[in-house]
Amino acid sequence: IEFLVGRGHLDQVVIAHDVCHRWRFGRFGGNGYGHILANMVPRMRARGFSSEDIDVILVENPARALTFA
């Protein structure tokens, strides 16, 4: 993510997390559905991403990508 954003692709980055097996659920020892918010966002902040950058990646880009005309 940092590599892409550093090269000017902030408006094209979308991240996702798939929970497709039982062992990925939090109650079975996995990261669960909250992985991006609980683990990735703090890592992004620690690496210098601004709140605005994080909002673009987590809110604005997916909204644009999922808009069908």
N, C-alpha and C. Protein backbone atom coordinates (compact mmCIF):
# COMPACT_ATOMS: atom_id res chain seq x y z
N ILE A 1 0.83 -1.18 0.00
CA ILE A 1 0.00 0.00 0.00
C ILE A 1 0.88 1.24 0.00
N GLU A 2 1.87 1.23 0.86
CA GLU A 2 2.78 2.38 0.95
C GLU A 2 3.50 2.61 -0.37
N PHE A 3 3.92 1.56 -1.01
CA PHE A 3 4.60 1.64 -2.30
C PHE A 3 3.70 2.32 -3.33
N LEU A 4 2.45 1.87 -3.43
CA LEU A 4 1.52 2.42 -4.42
C LEU A 4 1.17 3.87 -4.12
N VAL A 5 0.88 4.17 -2.87
CA VAL A 5 0.54 5.54 -2.49
C VAL A 5 1.73 6.46 -2.73
N GLY A 6 2.92 5.98 -2.43
CA GLY A 6 4.13 6.77 -2.64
C GLY A 6 4.39 7.10 -4.09
N ARG A 7 3.81 6.35 -4.99
CA ARG A 7 3.98 6.59 -6.42
C ARG A 7 2.76 7.26 -7.04
N GLY A 8 1.90 7.83 -6.19
CA GLY A 8 0.80 8.64 -6.68
C GLY A 8 -0.49 7.91 -7.00
N HIS A 9 -0.65 6.72 -6.49
CA HIS A 9 -1.84 5.92 -6.80
C HIS A 9 -2.85 5.86 -5.65
N LEU A 10 -2.84 6.84 -4.77
CA LEU A 10 -3.74 6.83 -3.62
C LEU A 10 -5.19 6.63 -4.04
N ASP A 11 -5.61 7.28 -5.11
CA ASP A 11 -7.01 7.21 -5.54
C ASP A 11 -7.36 5.90 -6.22
N GLN A 12 -6.42 4.97 -6.30
CA GLN A 12 -6.67 3.69 -6.95
C GLN A 12 -6.54 2.50 -6.00
N VAL A 13 -6.19 2.75 -4.76
CA VAL A 13 -5.95 1.66 -3.80
C VAL A 13 -7.24 1.31 -3.05
N VAL A 14 -7.58 0.03 -3.07
CA VAL A 14 -8.69 -0.51 -2.29
C VAL A 14 -8.16 -1.76 -1.59
N ILE A 15 -8.43 -1.90 -0.30
CA ILE A 15 -7.98 -3.10 0.40
C ILE A 15 -9.20 -3.87 0.91
N ALA A 16 -9.03 -5.16 1.04
CA ALA A 16 -10.11 -6.02 1.50
C ALA A 16 -9.53 -7.17 2.30
N HIS A 17 -10.39 -7.83 3.04
CA HIS A 17 -9.98 -8.98 3.85
C HIS A 17 -11.05 -10.04 3.70
N ASP A 18 -10.65 -11.24 3.42
CA ASP A 18 -11.59 -12.32 3.19
C ASP A 18 -11.60 -13.27 4.40
N VAL A 19 -12.79 -13.55 4.88
CA VAL A 19 -12.97 -14.53 5.96
C VAL A 19 -13.76 -15.67 5.35
N CYS A 20 -13.05 -16.65 4.82
CA CYS A 20 -13.73 -17.71 4.09
C CYS A 20 -13.61 -19.08 4.76
N HIS A 21 -12.83 -19.18 5.80
CA HIS A 21 -12.68 -20.44 6.53
C HIS A 21 -12.94 -20.20 8.01
N ARG A 22 -13.40 -21.19 8.69
CA ARG A 22 -13.73 -21.08 10.10
C ARG A 22 -12.54 -20.57 10.92
N TRP A 23 -11.34 -21.03 10.60
CA TRP A 23 -10.18 -20.66 11.39
C TRP A 23 -9.81 -19.19 11.23
N ARG A 24 -10.43 -18.47 10.30
CA ARG A 24 -10.18 -17.04 10.16
C ARG A 24 -11.07 -16.19 11.07
N PHE A 25 -12.13 -16.79 11.64
CA PHE A 25 -12.99 -16.08 12.58
C PHE A 25 -12.24 -15.84 13.89
N GLY A 26 -12.50 -14.71 14.53
CA GLY A 26 -11.84 -14.37 15.78
C GLY A 26 -12.01 -15.43 16.85
N ARG A 27 -13.17 -16.02 16.94
CA ARG A 27 -13.42 -17.01 17.99
C ARG A 27 -12.66 -18.31 17.77
N PHE A 28 -12.10 -18.49 16.58
CA PHE A 28 -11.28 -19.67 16.30
C PHE A 28 -9.80 -19.32 16.14
N GLY A 29 -9.41 -18.14 16.57
CA GLY A 29 -8.01 -17.75 16.56
C GLY A 29 -7.57 -16.90 15.39
N GLY A 30 -8.47 -16.61 14.46
CA GLY A 30 -8.11 -15.77 13.31
C GLY A 30 -8.26 -14.30 13.62
N ASN A 31 -8.02 -13.47 12.62
CA ASN A 31 -8.14 -12.02 12.79
C ASN A 31 -9.58 -11.53 12.77
N GLY A 32 -10.49 -12.31 12.20
CA GLY A 32 -11.89 -11.93 12.15
C GLY A 32 -12.17 -10.81 11.16
N TYR A 33 -13.43 -10.36 11.18
CA TYR A 33 -13.87 -9.34 10.23
C TYR A 33 -13.24 -7.98 10.51
N GLY A 34 -12.79 -7.73 11.72
CA GLY A 34 -12.23 -6.44 12.08
C GLY A 34 -10.76 -6.28 11.78
N HIS A 35 -10.16 -7.21 11.05
CA HIS A 35 -8.72 -7.20 10.81
C HIS A 35 -8.21 -5.88 10.25
N ILE A 36 -8.85 -5.33 9.25
CA ILE A 36 -8.35 -4.10 8.63
C ILE A 36 -8.38 -2.95 9.63
N LEU A 37 -9.50 -2.80 10.33
CA LEU A 37 -9.60 -1.69 11.29
C LEU A 37 -8.73 -1.90 12.52
N ALA A 38 -8.63 -3.12 13.00
CA ALA A 38 -7.88 -3.39 14.23
C ALA A 38 -6.38 -3.50 14.01
N ASN A 39 -5.97 -3.98 12.85
CA ASN A 39 -4.54 -4.24 12.62
C ASN A 39 -3.91 -3.37 11.53
N MET A 40 -4.58 -3.25 10.41
CA MET A 40 -3.99 -2.54 9.29
C MET A 40 -3.99 -1.02 9.47
N VAL A 41 -5.09 -0.46 9.97
CA VAL A 41 -5.15 0.99 10.15
C VAL A 41 -4.07 1.47 11.14
N PRO A 42 -3.89 0.82 12.29
CA PRO A 42 -2.78 1.25 13.17
C PRO A 42 -1.41 1.13 12.50
N ARG A 43 -1.21 0.11 11.70
CA ARG A 43 0.07 -0.02 10.97
C ARG A 43 0.23 1.11 9.96
N MET A 44 -0.86 1.45 9.29
CA MET A 44 -0.80 2.55 8.32
C MET A 44 -0.47 3.86 9.03
N ARG A 45 -1.11 4.11 10.17
CA ARG A 45 -0.82 5.33 10.93
C ARG A 45 0.64 5.36 11.37
N ALA A 46 1.16 4.23 11.83
CA ALA A 46 2.55 4.15 12.28
C ALA A 46 3.53 4.40 11.14
N ARG A 47 3.10 4.13 9.92
CA ARG A 47 3.97 4.33 8.76
C ARG A 47 3.76 5.70 8.11
N GLY A 48 2.97 6.55 8.76
CA GLY A 48 2.85 7.93 8.31
C GLY A 48 1.64 8.27 7.46
N PHE A 49 0.71 7.34 7.30
CA PHE A 49 -0.51 7.66 6.56
C PHE A 49 -1.36 8.63 7.37
N SER A 50 -1.89 9.64 6.71
CA SER A 50 -2.77 10.59 7.40
C SER A 50 -4.17 10.01 7.51
N SER A 51 -4.98 10.61 8.35
CA SER A 51 -6.38 10.19 8.47
C SER A 51 -7.10 10.36 7.14
N GLU A 52 -6.75 11.40 6.41
CA GLU A 52 -7.36 11.64 5.10
C GLU A 52 -7.00 10.54 4.12
N ASP A 53 -5.73 10.12 4.11
CA ASP A 53 -5.29 9.03 3.24
C ASP A 53 -6.06 7.75 3.56
N ILE A 54 -6.20 7.45 4.83
CA ILE A 54 -6.90 6.24 5.26
C ILE A 54 -8.38 6.31 4.85
N ASP A 55 -8.99 7.47 4.99
CA ASP A 55 -10.39 7.64 4.57
C ASP A 55 -10.54 7.43 3.07
N VAL A 56 -9.58 7.92 2.30
CA VAL A 56 -9.64 7.73 0.85
C VAL A 56 -9.59 6.25 0.53
N ILE A 57 -8.67 5.52 1.16
CA ILE A 57 -8.49 4.10 0.87
C ILE A 57 -9.67 3.26 1.36
N LEU A 58 -10.20 3.58 2.54
CA LEU A 58 -11.24 2.74 3.14
C LEU A 58 -12.67 3.17 2.82
N VAL A 59 -12.87 4.43 2.45
CA VAL A 59 -14.23 4.92 2.23
C VAL A 59 -14.44 5.41 0.80
N GLU A 60 -13.66 6.38 0.39
CA GLU A 60 -13.90 7.03 -0.90
C GLU A 60 -13.63 6.11 -2.09
N ASN A 61 -12.49 5.44 -2.10
CA ASN A 61 -12.18 4.55 -3.24
C ASN A 61 -13.18 3.40 -3.37
N PRO A 62 -13.52 2.69 -2.29
CA PRO A 62 -14.53 1.63 -2.45
C PRO A 62 -15.88 2.17 -2.89
N ALA A 63 -16.27 3.35 -2.39
CA ALA A 63 -17.56 3.92 -2.80
C ALA A 63 -17.55 4.19 -4.30
N ARG A 64 -16.45 4.72 -4.80
CA ARG A 64 -16.35 4.99 -6.24
C ARG A 64 -16.30 3.69 -7.04
N ALA A 65 -15.56 2.71 -6.55
CA ALA A 65 -15.42 1.43 -7.27
C ALA A 65 -16.72 0.65 -7.31
N LEU A 66 -17.54 0.82 -6.29
CA LEU A 66 -18.79 0.05 -6.21
C LEU A 66 -20.01 0.82 -6.71
N THR A 67 -19.79 1.97 -7.31
CA THR A 67 -20.89 2.75 -7.89
C THR A 67 -21.10 2.28 -9.32
N PHE A 68 -22.30 1.81 -9.58
CA PHE A 68 -22.64 1.33 -10.93
C PHE A 68 -23.66 2.28 -11.53
N ALA A 69 -23.39 2.68 -12.74
CA ALA A 69 -24.32 3.60 -13.42
C ALA A 69 -25.17 2.86 -14.41
